[in-house]
């Protein structure tokens, strides 16, 4: 299981149900890693996409009864169901895209962390749950300097569970 997210320097990940920033380099990183894979999102995170993301299997993790999701979107209702889904589909790469409660509920089960660090702080109301990074090893770190489309520096990191 893989987590993918971007956070600012204070671990902020959201504001009013959206990302607090627009950074095309981070969107490209997200797309590169999620295309062709199974993407599991909480209901608010899924709503922020405004539609199922193409070329991915879209699954929503929600405690609510789901009747209003587009055709083809699967619904799971607990972290245990996500773990069972992953075990039942060993040929799929399962990527979790948030939000905070989803990350927190699946933290014991994650093997890989794909974190984008945004080198700035933003107004936010949602923060990444605390992760004990001593349980993981940093295996890749790529810096992206600010440019005309990305006004803040970024660091793309890959962590693997020890």
C-alpha atoms as a PDB file:
ATOM      1  CA  UNK A   1       0.000   0.000   0.000  1.00  0.00           C
ATOM      2  CA  UNK A   2       1.277   3.446  -0.953  1.00  0.00           C
ATOM      3  CA  UNK A   3       0.383   6.869   0.462  1.00  0.00           C
ATOM      4  CA  UNK A   4       0.709   9.867  -1.865  1.00  0.00           C
ATOM      5  CA  UNK A   5       0.295  13.442  -0.646  1.00  0.00           C
ATOM      6  CA  UNK A   6       1.755  16.931  -0.603  1.00  0.00           C
ATOM      7  CA  UNK A   7       2.261  18.911   2.579  1.00  0.00           C
ATOM      8  CA  UNK A   8       3.555  22.353   3.436  1.00  0.00           C
ATOM      9  CA  UNK A   9       6.245  23.122   6.003  1.00  0.00           C
ATOM     10  CA  UNK A  10       3.694  22.758   8.838  1.00  0.00           C
ATOM     11  CA  UNK A  11       2.282  19.459   7.470  1.00  0.00           C
ATOM     12  CA  UNK A  12      -0.831  21.168   6.062  1.00  0.00           C
ATOM     13  CA  UNK A  13      -2.569  19.145   3.359  1.00  0.00           C
ATOM     14  CA  UNK A  14      -5.881  20.924   2.822  1.00  0.00           C
ATOM     15  CA  UNK A  15      -8.042  23.989   3.180  1.00  0.00           C
ATOM     16  CA  UNK A  16     -11.836  23.925   2.795  1.00  0.00           C
ATOM     17  CA  UNK A  17     -11.733  20.559   1.026  1.00  0.00           C
ATOM     18  CA  UNK A  18      -9.066  21.569  -1.521  1.00  0.00           C
ATOM     19  CA  UNK A  19      -5.313  21.742  -1.781  1.00  0.00           C
ATOM     20  CA  UNK A  20      -4.089  25.109  -0.476  1.00  0.00           C
ATOM     21  CA  UNK A  21      -1.872  25.523  -3.571  1.00  0.00           C
ATOM     22  CA  UNK A  22      -1.763  24.935  -7.318  1.00  0.00           C
ATOM     23  CA  UNK A  23       1.578  23.453  -8.341  1.00  0.00           C
ATOM     24  CA  UNK A  24       1.709  21.779 -11.766  1.00  0.00           C
ATOM     25  CA  UNK A  25       4.938  19.934 -10.908  1.00  0.00           C
ATOM     26  CA  UNK A  26       3.200  18.255  -7.964  1.00  0.00           C
ATOM     27  CA  UNK A  27       0.155  17.412 -10.109  1.00  0.00           C
ATOM     28  CA  UNK A  28       2.503  15.804 -12.664  1.00  0.00           C
ATOM     29  CA  UNK A  29       4.161  13.764  -9.880  1.00  0.00           C
ATOM     30  CA  UNK A  30       0.729  12.625  -8.652  1.00  0.00           C
ATOM     31  CA  UNK A  31      -0.380  11.685 -12.167  1.00  0.00           C
ATOM     32  CA  UNK A  32       2.864   9.851 -12.929  1.00  0.00           C
ATOM     33  CA  UNK A  33       2.513   7.664  -9.841  1.00  0.00           C
ATOM     34  CA  UNK A  34      -1.239   7.028  -9.896  1.00  0.00           C
ATOM     35  CA  UNK A  35      -1.963   6.418 -13.600  1.00  0.00           C
ATOM     36  CA  UNK A  36      -2.930   2.816 -14.264  1.00  0.00           C
ATOM     37  CA  UNK A  37      -3.258   2.056 -10.561  1.00  0.00           C
ATOM     38  CA  UNK A  38      -6.001   1.756  -7.958  1.00  0.00           C
ATOM     39  CA  UNK A  39      -6.591   5.095  -6.220  1.00  0.00           C
ATOM     40  CA  UNK A  40      -8.412   5.105  -2.883  1.00  0.00           C
ATOM     41  CA  UNK A  41      -9.635   8.442  -1.539  1.00  0.00           C
ATOM     42  CA  UNK A  42     -11.857   9.590   1.267  1.00  0.00           C
ATOM     43  CA  UNK A  43     -15.153  11.179   0.250  1.00  0.00           C
ATOM     44  CA  UNK A  44     -13.931  14.784   0.618  1.00  0.00           C
ATOM     45  CA  UNK A  45     -10.729  14.090  -1.297  1.00  0.00           C
ATOM     46  CA  UNK A  46     -12.693  12.341  -4.035  1.00  0.00           C
ATOM     47  CA  UNK A  47     -15.098  15.309  -4.194  1.00  0.00           C
ATOM     48  CA  UNK A  48     -12.123  17.648  -4.686  1.00  0.00           C
ATOM     49  CA  UNK A  49     -11.341  15.813  -7.959  1.00  0.00           C
ATOM     50  CA  UNK A  50     -14.848  16.748  -9.212  1.00  0.00           C
ATOM     51  CA  UNK A  51     -14.984  13.479 -11.215  1.00  0.00           C
ATOM     52  CA  UNK A  52     -13.352  10.048 -11.257  1.00  0.00           C
ATOM     53  CA  UNK A  53      -9.733  10.414 -12.312  1.00  0.00           C
ATOM     54  CA  UNK A  54      -9.173   8.836 -15.738  1.00  0.00           C
ATOM     55  CA  UNK A  55      -7.016   5.751 -16.313  1.00  0.00           C
ATOM     56  CA  UNK A  56      -7.228   4.758 -12.650  1.00  0.00           C
ATOM     57  CA  UNK A  57      -9.557   2.521 -10.707  1.00  0.00           C
ATOM     58  CA  UNK A  58     -11.321   4.984  -8.375  1.00  0.00           C
ATOM     59  CA  UNK A  59     -12.400   3.757  -4.942  1.00  0.00           C
ATOM     60  CA  UNK A  60     -13.956   5.937  -2.250  1.00  0.00           C
ATOM     61  CA  UNK A  61     -13.506   5.087   1.420  1.00  0.00           C
ATOM     62  CA  UNK A  62     -16.495   6.418   3.356  1.00  0.00           C
ATOM     63  CA  UNK A  63     -18.603   5.455   6.331  1.00  0.00           C
ATOM     64  CA  UNK A  64     -21.705   6.832   4.603  1.00  0.00           C
ATOM     65  CA  UNK A  65     -24.033   4.775   2.474  1.00  0.00           C
ATOM     66  CA  UNK A  66     -22.930   5.485  -1.069  1.00  0.00           C
ATOM     67  CA  UNK A  67     -25.556   6.036  -3.698  1.00  0.00           C
ATOM     68  CA  UNK A  68     -24.356   9.226  -5.349  1.00  0.00           C
ATOM     69  CA  UNK A  69     -20.980   8.220  -6.819  1.00  0.00           C
ATOM     70  CA  UNK A  70     -20.514   8.017 -10.587  1.00  0.00           C
ATOM     71  CA  UNK A  71     -20.781   4.692 -12.346  1.00  0.00           C
ATOM     72  CA  UNK A  72     -17.601   2.656 -12.036  1.00  0.00           C
ATOM     73  CA  UNK A  73     -16.540   4.159  -8.709  1.00  0.00           C
ATOM     74  CA  UNK A  74     -16.295   1.480  -6.044  1.00  0.00           C
ATOM     75  CA  UNK A  75     -17.039   2.185  -2.388  1.00  0.00           C
ATOM     76  CA  UNK A  76     -15.419   0.689   0.697  1.00  0.00           C
ATOM     77  CA  UNK A  77     -16.521   1.459   4.247  1.00  0.00           C
ATOM     78  CA  UNK A  78     -13.562   0.768   6.560  1.00  0.00           C
ATOM     79  CA  UNK A  79      -9.790   0.508   6.743  1.00  0.00           C
ATOM     80  CA  UNK A  80     -10.250  -3.251   7.207  1.00  0.00           C
ATOM     81  CA  UNK A  81     -12.113  -3.405   3.880  1.00  0.00           C
ATOM     82  CA  UNK A  82      -9.229  -1.546   2.193  1.00  0.00           C
ATOM     83  CA  UNK A  83      -6.697  -4.021   3.607  1.00  0.00           C
ATOM     84  CA  UNK A  84      -8.900  -6.939   2.519  1.00  0.00           C
ATOM     85  CA  UNK A  85      -9.281  -5.383  -0.950  1.00  0.00           C
ATOM     86  CA  UNK A  86      -5.511  -5.069  -1.329  1.00  0.00           C
ATOM     87  CA  UNK A  87      -4.988  -8.706  -0.255  1.00  0.00           C
ATOM     88  CA  UNK A  88      -7.689  -9.884  -2.684  1.00  0.00           C
ATOM     89  CA  UNK A  89      -6.111  -7.921  -5.587  1.00  0.00           C
ATOM     90  CA  UNK A  90      -2.365  -8.638  -5.377  1.00  0.00           C
ATOM     91  CA  UNK A  91      -1.917  -7.659  -9.045  1.00  0.00           C
ATOM     92  CA  UNK A  92      -3.043  -4.064  -8.333  1.00  0.00           C
ATOM     93  CA  UNK A  93      -0.948  -1.231  -6.925  1.00  0.00           C
ATOM     94  CA  UNK A  94      -3.124   0.395  -4.258  1.00  0.00           C
ATOM     95  CA  UNK A  95      -2.444   4.089  -3.697  1.00  0.00           C
ATOM     96  CA  UNK A  96      -4.095   6.115  -0.933  1.00  0.00           C
ATOM     97  CA  UNK A  97      -4.559   9.836  -1.646  1.00  0.00           C
ATOM     98  CA  UNK A  98      -6.147  11.029   1.599  1.00  0.00           C
ATOM     99  CA  UNK A  99      -7.606  12.738   3.429  1.00  0.00           C
ATOM    100  CA  UNK A 100      -6.190  12.928   6.897  1.00  0.00           C
ATOM    101  CA  UNK A 101      -8.595  10.429   8.527  1.00  0.00           C
ATOM    102  CA  UNK A 102      -7.998   7.921   5.727  1.00  0.00           C
ATOM    103  CA  UNK A 103      -4.228   8.253   6.109  1.00  0.00           C
ATOM    104  CA  UNK A 104      -4.500   7.890   9.880  1.00  0.00           C
ATOM    105  CA  UNK A 105      -6.678   4.770   9.651  1.00  0.00           C
ATOM    106  CA  UNK A 106      -4.320   3.033   7.214  1.00  0.00           C
ATOM    107  CA  UNK A 107      -0.970   4.129   8.653  1.00  0.00           C
ATOM    108  CA  UNK A 108      -0.242   0.694  10.197  1.00  0.00           C
ATOM    109  CA  UNK A 109      -0.648  -0.925   6.752  1.00  0.00           C
ATOM    110  CA  UNK A 110       1.324   1.412   4.481  1.00  0.00           C
ATOM    111  CA  UNK A 111       4.594   0.207   2.927  1.00  0.00           C
ATOM    112  CA  UNK A 112       5.592   3.209   0.796  1.00  0.00           C
ATOM    113  CA  UNK A 113       5.254   6.953   1.334  1.00  0.00           C
ATOM    114  CA  UNK A 114       5.318   9.328  -1.643  1.00  0.00           C
ATOM    115  CA  UNK A 115       5.523  12.735  -0.011  1.00  0.00           C
ATOM    116  CA  UNK A 116       5.834  16.074  -1.749  1.00  0.00           C
ATOM    117  CA  UNK A 117       7.177  18.732   0.583  1.00  0.00           C
ATOM    118  CA  UNK A 118       6.065  22.209  -0.473  1.00  0.00           C
ATOM    119  CA  UNK A 119       8.689  24.640   0.797  1.00  0.00           C
ATOM    120  CA  UNK A 120       6.201  27.252   1.973  1.00  0.00           C
ATOM    121  CA  UNK A 121       3.393  27.615   4.537  1.00  0.00           C
ATOM    122  CA  UNK A 122      -0.281  28.105   3.714  1.00  0.00           C
ATOM    123  CA  UNK A 123      -3.573  28.792   5.451  1.00  0.00           C
ATOM    124  CA  UNK A 124      -4.986  25.347   6.175  1.00  0.00           C
ATOM    125  CA  UNK A 125      -7.561  23.419   8.171  1.00  0.00           C
ATOM    126  CA  UNK A 126      -6.365  19.862   7.492  1.00  0.00           C
ATOM    127  CA  UNK A 127      -3.004  18.388   8.454  1.00  0.00           C
ATOM    128  CA  UNK A 128      -1.171  15.148   7.767  1.00  0.00           C
ATOM    129  CA  UNK A 129      -1.303  12.767  10.732  1.00  0.00           C
ATOM    130  CA  UNK A 130       1.994  12.296  12.519  1.00  0.00           C
ATOM    131  CA  UNK A 131       4.159   9.606  10.943  1.00  0.00           C
ATOM    132  CA  UNK A 132       6.990   7.876  12.768  1.00  0.00           C
ATOM    133  CA  UNK A 133       9.623   8.204  10.052  1.00  0.00           C
ATOM    134  CA  UNK A 134      12.024   6.003  12.055  1.00  0.00           C
ATOM    135  CA  UNK A 135       9.898   3.087  10.727  1.00  0.00           C
ATOM    136  CA  UNK A 136      10.735   4.130   7.149  1.00  0.00           C
ATOM    137  CA  UNK A 137      13.868   4.712   5.109  1.00  0.00           C
ATOM    138  CA  UNK A 138      14.229   7.596   2.675  1.00  0.00           C
ATOM    139  CA  UNK A 139      15.180   5.978  -0.635  1.00  0.00           C
ATOM    140  CA  UNK A 140      14.731   8.903  -3.029  1.00  0.00           C
ATOM    141  CA  UNK A 141      14.637  12.692  -2.751  1.00  0.00           C
ATOM    142  CA  UNK A 142      14.357  14.989  -5.771  1.00  0.00           C
ATOM    143  CA  UNK A 143      14.329  18.775  -5.472  1.00  0.00           C
ATOM    144  CA  UNK A 144      12.340  20.992  -7.831  1.00  0.00           C
ATOM    145  CA  UNK A 145      13.291  24.645  -7.778  1.00  0.00           C
ATOM    146  CA  UNK A 146      10.620  27.344  -8.109  1.00  0.00           C
ATOM    147  CA  UNK A 147       9.861  28.293 -11.712  1.00  0.00           C
ATOM    148  CA  UNK A 148       7.311  30.287 -13.729  1.00  0.00           C
ATOM    149  CA  UNK A 149       4.546  27.706 -13.091  1.00  0.00           C
ATOM    150  CA  UNK A 150       5.550  26.569  -9.594  1.00  0.00           C
ATOM    151  CA  UNK A 151       6.215  29.549  -7.311  1.00  0.00           C
ATOM    152  CA  UNK A 152       7.489  27.400  -4.420  1.00  0.00           C
ATOM    153  CA  UNK A 153      10.257  24.862  -4.175  1.00  0.00           C
ATOM    154  CA  UNK A 154       9.256  21.218  -3.923  1.00  0.00           C
ATOM    155  CA  UNK A 155      10.958  18.071  -2.694  1.00  0.00           C
ATOM    156  CA  UNK A 156       9.595  14.748  -3.951  1.00  0.00           C
ATOM    157  CA  UNK A 157      10.394  11.933  -1.506  1.00  0.00           C
ATOM    158  CA  UNK A 158       9.968   8.176  -1.521  1.00  0.00           C
ATOM    159  CA  UNK A 159      10.100   6.351   1.812  1.00  0.00           C
ATOM    160  CA  UNK A 160       9.980   2.553   2.233  1.00  0.00           C
ATOM    161  CA  UNK A 161       8.991   0.765   5.439  1.00  0.00           C
ATOM    162  CA  UNK A 162      12.013  -0.788   7.170  1.00  0.00           C
END
